[in-house]
Amino acid sequence: MPNRYLRLAGLDQRLDLTKPDLGVAGGAALLEQLLNDRRLPVPLRGLTCAEVCEKRGFIEPLSVYRRLGKAVATRVRSDAEDRHYGGGESDEHKAYKDRAVRAAEEGGHTAVQERSSKDRAVRSDVLIRGTDGVLPWLRVAAVFAKPA
């Protein structure tokens, strides 16, 4: 889920990335400045998440870039997504994904974990491809019956 609301140091308002003017006066020029400013390291630019991160009481630095004509904000730390989405995957969920990969490979198929689609709109837990390439890529949601 992309960040919609951002906060910039020195502004009291939240910035809304879904609006061309960020929902503030002079926002269009500010957005262009944020998109072009690459001189400072991301944590020093003053742009932070104003959604879940803020509600949970931590400051998460963001970077803004343009993708397919839209402004998008991204986190810079690898553990940020776990904090943003409430702790990441459980050990049980990871074990189910590992089990799916093992079962597919034992059956002569190829399998990979955490594969994104070409347009990066979807990230599947496990993708399994048939033995002769006959089957299309299948998206497996790592929902299995618990082993007996």
C-alpha atoms as a PDB file:
ATOM      1  CA  MET A   1       0.000   0.000   0.000  1.00  0.00           C
ATOM      2  CA  PRO A   2       1.565   3.279  -1.039  1.00  0.00           C
ATOM      3  CA  ASN A   3       1.747   6.227   1.314  1.00  0.00           C
ATOM      4  CA  ARG A   4      -0.900   8.812   0.609  1.00  0.00           C
ATOM      5  CA  TYR A   5      -0.205  11.319   3.376  1.00  0.00           C
ATOM      6  CA  LEU A   6       3.194  12.833   4.097  1.00  0.00           C
ATOM      7  CA  ARG A   7       4.505  15.441   6.465  1.00  0.00           C
ATOM      8  CA  LEU A   8       7.264  17.899   5.633  1.00  0.00           C
ATOM      9  CA  ALA A   9       9.315  19.471   8.403  1.00  0.00           C
ATOM     10  CA  GLY A  10       8.241  23.072   8.892  1.00  0.00           C
ATOM     11  CA  LEU A  11       4.668  22.572   7.591  1.00  0.00           C
ATOM     12  CA  ASP A  12       1.737  22.015   9.941  1.00  0.00           C
ATOM     13  CA  GLN A  13      -0.419  20.356   7.252  1.00  0.00           C
ATOM     14  CA  ARG A  14      -0.337  16.852   5.878  1.00  0.00           C
ATOM     15  CA  LEU A  15       0.520  16.597   2.199  1.00  0.00           C
ATOM     16  CA  ASP A  16      -1.787  14.455   0.053  1.00  0.00           C
ATOM     17  CA  LEU A  17       0.064  12.744  -2.805  1.00  0.00           C
ATOM     18  CA  THR A  18      -3.183  11.955  -4.644  1.00  0.00           C
ATOM     19  CA  LYS A  19      -3.707  15.664  -5.343  1.00  0.00           C
ATOM     20  CA  PRO A  20      -1.592  17.510  -7.939  1.00  0.00           C
ATOM     21  CA  ASP A  21      -1.128  20.431  -5.514  1.00  0.00           C
ATOM     22  CA  LEU A  22      -0.627  18.146  -2.466  1.00  0.00           C
ATOM     23  CA  GLY A  23      -3.703  19.773  -0.917  1.00  0.00           C
ATOM     24  CA  VAL A  24      -1.810  22.919   0.146  1.00  0.00           C
ATOM     25  CA  ALA A  25      -1.227  26.350  -1.333  1.00  0.00           C
ATOM     26  CA  GLY A  26       1.820  26.278  -3.599  1.00  0.00           C
ATOM     27  CA  GLY A  27       1.825  22.492  -3.478  1.00  0.00           C
ATOM     28  CA  ALA A  28       2.537  21.934  -7.185  1.00  0.00           C
ATOM     29  CA  ALA A  29       5.853  23.800  -6.925  1.00  0.00           C
ATOM     30  CA  LEU A  30       6.632  22.041  -3.635  1.00  0.00           C
ATOM     31  CA  LEU A  31       5.998  18.650  -5.260  1.00  0.00           C
ATOM     32  CA  GLU A  32       8.422  19.437  -8.086  1.00  0.00           C
ATOM     33  CA  GLN A  33      11.008  20.510  -5.521  1.00  0.00           C
ATOM     34  CA  LEU A  34      10.561  17.255  -3.587  1.00  0.00           C
ATOM     35  CA  LEU A  35      10.848  15.217  -6.794  1.00  0.00           C
ATOM     36  CA  ASN A  36      14.035  16.979  -7.884  1.00  0.00           C
ATOM     37  CA  ASP A  37      15.808  17.345  -4.527  1.00  0.00           C
ATOM     38  CA  ARG A  38      18.397  14.586  -4.363  1.00  0.00           C
ATOM     39  CA  ARG A  39      21.231  16.528  -2.729  1.00  0.00           C
ATOM     40  CA  LEU A  40      20.576  15.484   0.857  1.00  0.00           C
ATOM     41  CA  PRO A  41      20.296  11.940   2.186  1.00  0.00           C
ATOM     42  CA  VAL A  42      16.646  10.893   2.504  1.00  0.00           C
ATOM     43  CA  PRO A  43      16.510  11.034   6.334  1.00  0.00           C
ATOM     44  CA  LEU A  44      17.668  14.673   6.239  1.00  0.00           C
ATOM     45  CA  ARG A  45      15.102  15.870   3.669  1.00  0.00           C
ATOM     46  CA  GLY A  46      12.398  16.232   6.330  1.00  0.00           C
ATOM     47  CA  LEU A  47       9.733  14.191   4.546  1.00  0.00           C
ATOM     48  CA  THR A  48       8.024  11.616   6.784  1.00  0.00           C
ATOM     49  CA  CYS A  49       5.065   9.227   6.791  1.00  0.00           C
ATOM     50  CA  ALA A  50       1.922  10.891   8.169  1.00  0.00           C
ATOM     51  CA  GLU A  51      -0.207   7.750   8.280  1.00  0.00           C
ATOM     52  CA  VAL A  52       0.268   4.579  10.308  1.00  0.00           C
ATOM     53  CA  CYS A  53       3.845   5.441  11.294  1.00  0.00           C
ATOM     54  CA  GLU A  54       2.786   8.715  12.868  1.00  0.00           C
ATOM     55  CA  LYS A  55      -0.113   7.060  14.702  1.00  0.00           C
ATOM     56  CA  ARG A  56       2.231   4.432  16.131  1.00  0.00           C
ATOM     57  CA  GLY A  57       4.643   7.087  17.330  1.00  0.00           C
ATOM     58  CA  PHE A  58       7.689   6.679  15.118  1.00  0.00           C
ATOM     59  CA  ILE A  59       9.162   8.828  12.388  1.00  0.00           C
ATOM     60  CA  GLU A  60       9.725   7.130   9.057  1.00  0.00           C
ATOM     61  CA  PRO A  61      11.746   9.078   6.452  1.00  0.00           C
ATOM     62  CA  LEU A  62      10.353   8.974   2.920  1.00  0.00           C
ATOM     63  CA  SER A  63      11.550   9.718  -0.562  1.00  0.00           C
ATOM     64  CA  VAL A  64       9.284  10.873  -3.409  1.00  0.00           C
ATOM     65  CA  TYR A  65       9.593   9.855  -7.043  1.00  0.00           C
ATOM     66  CA  ARG A  66       7.376   9.730 -10.108  1.00  0.00           C
ATOM     67  CA  ARG A  67       6.090   6.389 -11.405  1.00  0.00           C
ATOM     68  CA  LEU A  68       3.809   6.109 -14.420  1.00  0.00           C
ATOM     69  CA  GLY A  69       3.091   9.818 -14.134  1.00  0.00           C
ATOM     70  CA  LYS A  70       2.075   9.694 -10.462  1.00  0.00           C
ATOM     71  CA  ALA A  71       3.992  10.883  -7.429  1.00  0.00           C
ATOM     72  CA  VAL A  72       4.873   7.966  -5.141  1.00  0.00           C
ATOM     73  CA  ALA A  73       6.476   7.966  -1.692  1.00  0.00           C
ATOM     74  CA  THR A  74       8.726   5.149  -0.553  1.00  0.00           C
ATOM     75  CA  ARG A  75      10.425   4.146   2.662  1.00  0.00           C
ATOM     76  CA  VAL A  76      14.181   3.825   2.811  1.00  0.00           C
ATOM     77  CA  ARG A  77      14.773   1.332   5.611  1.00  0.00           C
ATOM     78  CA  SER A  78      14.263  -2.390   5.074  1.00  0.00           C
ATOM     79  CA  ASP A  79      12.427  -2.925   8.363  1.00  0.00           C
ATOM     80  CA  ALA A  80      10.095   0.021   7.784  1.00  0.00           C
ATOM     81  CA  GLU A  81       7.501  -2.053   5.987  1.00  0.00           C
ATOM     82  CA  ASP A  82       7.276  -4.452   8.913  1.00  0.00           C
ATOM     83  CA  ARG A  83       6.649  -1.553  11.267  1.00  0.00           C
ATOM     84  CA  HIS A  84       4.178   0.043   8.877  1.00  0.00           C
ATOM     85  CA  TYR A  85       2.108  -3.096   8.449  1.00  0.00           C
ATOM     86  CA  GLY A  86       2.211  -4.272  12.038  1.00  0.00           C
ATOM     87  CA  GLY A  87       5.139  -6.611  12.455  1.00  0.00           C
ATOM     88  CA  GLY A  88       5.503  -8.394   9.146  1.00  0.00           C
ATOM     89  CA  GLU A  89       4.995 -12.089   8.620  1.00  0.00           C
ATOM     90  CA  SER A  90       4.681 -14.562  11.439  1.00  0.00           C
ATOM     91  CA  ASP A  91       7.069 -17.489  11.712  1.00  0.00           C
ATOM     92  CA  GLU A  92       4.155 -19.770  10.859  1.00  0.00           C
ATOM     93  CA  HIS A  93       3.441 -17.850   7.630  1.00  0.00           C
ATOM     94  CA  LYS A  94       7.118 -18.060   6.624  1.00  0.00           C
ATOM     95  CA  ALA A  95       7.087 -21.802   7.336  1.00  0.00           C
ATOM     96  CA  TYR A  96       4.030 -22.260   5.086  1.00  0.00           C
ATOM     97  CA  LYS A  97       5.808 -20.440   2.255  1.00  0.00           C
ATOM     98  CA  ASP A  98       8.908 -22.608   2.702  1.00  0.00           C
ATOM     99  CA  ARG A  99       6.698 -25.692   2.688  1.00  0.00           C
ATOM    100  CA  ALA A 100       5.014 -24.624  -0.563  1.00  0.00           C
ATOM    101  CA  VAL A 101       8.395 -24.148  -2.253  1.00  0.00           C
ATOM    102  CA  ARG A 102       9.691 -27.512  -1.012  1.00  0.00           C
ATOM    103  CA  ALA A 103       6.539 -29.330  -2.157  1.00  0.00           C
ATOM    104  CA  ALA A 104       6.666 -27.723  -5.606  1.00  0.00           C
ATOM    105  CA  GLU A 105      10.358 -28.529  -6.078  1.00  0.00           C
ATOM    106  CA  GLU A 106       9.868 -32.119  -4.899  1.00  0.00           C
ATOM    107  CA  GLY A 107       7.143 -32.414  -7.548  1.00  0.00           C
ATOM    108  CA  GLY A 108       9.539 -31.270 -10.278  1.00  0.00           C
ATOM    109  CA  HIS A 109       8.305 -27.701 -10.512  1.00  0.00           C
ATOM    110  CA  THR A 110      10.149 -24.445  -9.931  1.00  0.00           C
ATOM    111  CA  ALA A 111       9.055 -22.111  -7.170  1.00  0.00           C
ATOM    112  CA  VAL A 112      10.163 -18.738  -5.844  1.00  0.00           C
ATOM    113  CA  GLN A 113       9.113 -16.685  -2.848  1.00  0.00           C
ATOM    114  CA  GLU A 114       8.122 -13.008  -2.816  1.00  0.00           C
ATOM    115  CA  ARG A 115       7.990 -12.508  -6.584  1.00  0.00           C
ATOM    116  CA  SER A 116       6.601  -9.186  -7.853  1.00  0.00           C
ATOM    117  CA  SER A 117       4.621  -8.863 -11.052  1.00  0.00           C
ATOM    118  CA  LYS A 118       6.225  -7.012 -13.956  1.00  0.00           C
ATOM    119  CA  ASP A 119       4.310  -3.825 -13.133  1.00  0.00           C
ATOM    120  CA  ARG A 120       5.017  -4.330  -9.400  1.00  0.00           C
ATOM    121  CA  ALA A 121       1.303  -4.070  -8.630  1.00  0.00           C
ATOM    122  CA  VAL A 122       1.243  -7.505  -6.981  1.00  0.00           C
ATOM    123  CA  ARG A 123       3.780  -9.364  -4.856  1.00  0.00           C
ATOM    124  CA  SER A 124       2.948 -13.028  -4.438  1.00  0.00           C
ATOM    125  CA  ASP A 125       4.056 -15.088  -1.464  1.00  0.00           C
ATOM    126  CA  VAL A 126       4.998 -18.051  -3.685  1.00  0.00           C
ATOM    127  CA  LEU A 127       4.987 -18.490  -7.455  1.00  0.00           C
ATOM    128  CA  ILE A 128       5.036 -22.002  -8.902  1.00  0.00           C
ATOM    129  CA  ARG A 129       5.714 -22.847 -12.538  1.00  0.00           C
ATOM    130  CA  GLY A 130       4.944 -26.175 -14.202  1.00  0.00           C
ATOM    131  CA  THR A 131       7.625 -28.730 -15.130  1.00  0.00           C
ATOM    132  CA  ASP A 132       7.716 -28.147 -18.890  1.00  0.00           C
ATOM    133  CA  GLY A 133       6.727 -24.512 -18.758  1.00  0.00           C
ATOM    134  CA  VAL A 134       3.245 -25.665 -19.796  1.00  0.00           C
ATOM    135  CA  LEU A 135       1.517 -24.212 -16.774  1.00  0.00           C
ATOM    136  CA  PRO A 136       1.414 -20.439 -16.412  1.00  0.00           C
ATOM    137  CA  TRP A 137       2.853 -18.843 -13.308  1.00  0.00           C
ATOM    138  CA  LEU A 138       0.494 -19.595 -10.466  1.00  0.00           C
ATOM    139  CA  ARG A 139      -0.017 -17.351  -7.507  1.00  0.00           C
ATOM    140  CA  VAL A 140      -0.165 -19.334  -4.276  1.00  0.00           C
ATOM    141  CA  ALA A 141      -1.372 -17.554  -1.189  1.00  0.00           C
ATOM    142  CA  ALA A 142       0.414 -19.805   1.323  1.00  0.00           C
ATOM    143  CA  VAL A 143      -2.869 -20.929   2.852  1.00  0.00           C
ATOM    144  CA  PHE A 144      -2.541 -24.632   3.554  1.00  0.00           C
ATOM    145  CA  ALA A 145      -4.013 -27.143   5.920  1.00  0.00           C
ATOM    146  CA  LYS A 146      -1.821 -27.543   8.939  1.00  0.00           C
ATOM    147  CA  PRO A 147       0.264 -30.713   8.823  1.00  0.00           C
ATOM    148  CA  ALA A 148      -1.059 -33.543  10.977  1.00  0.00           C
END
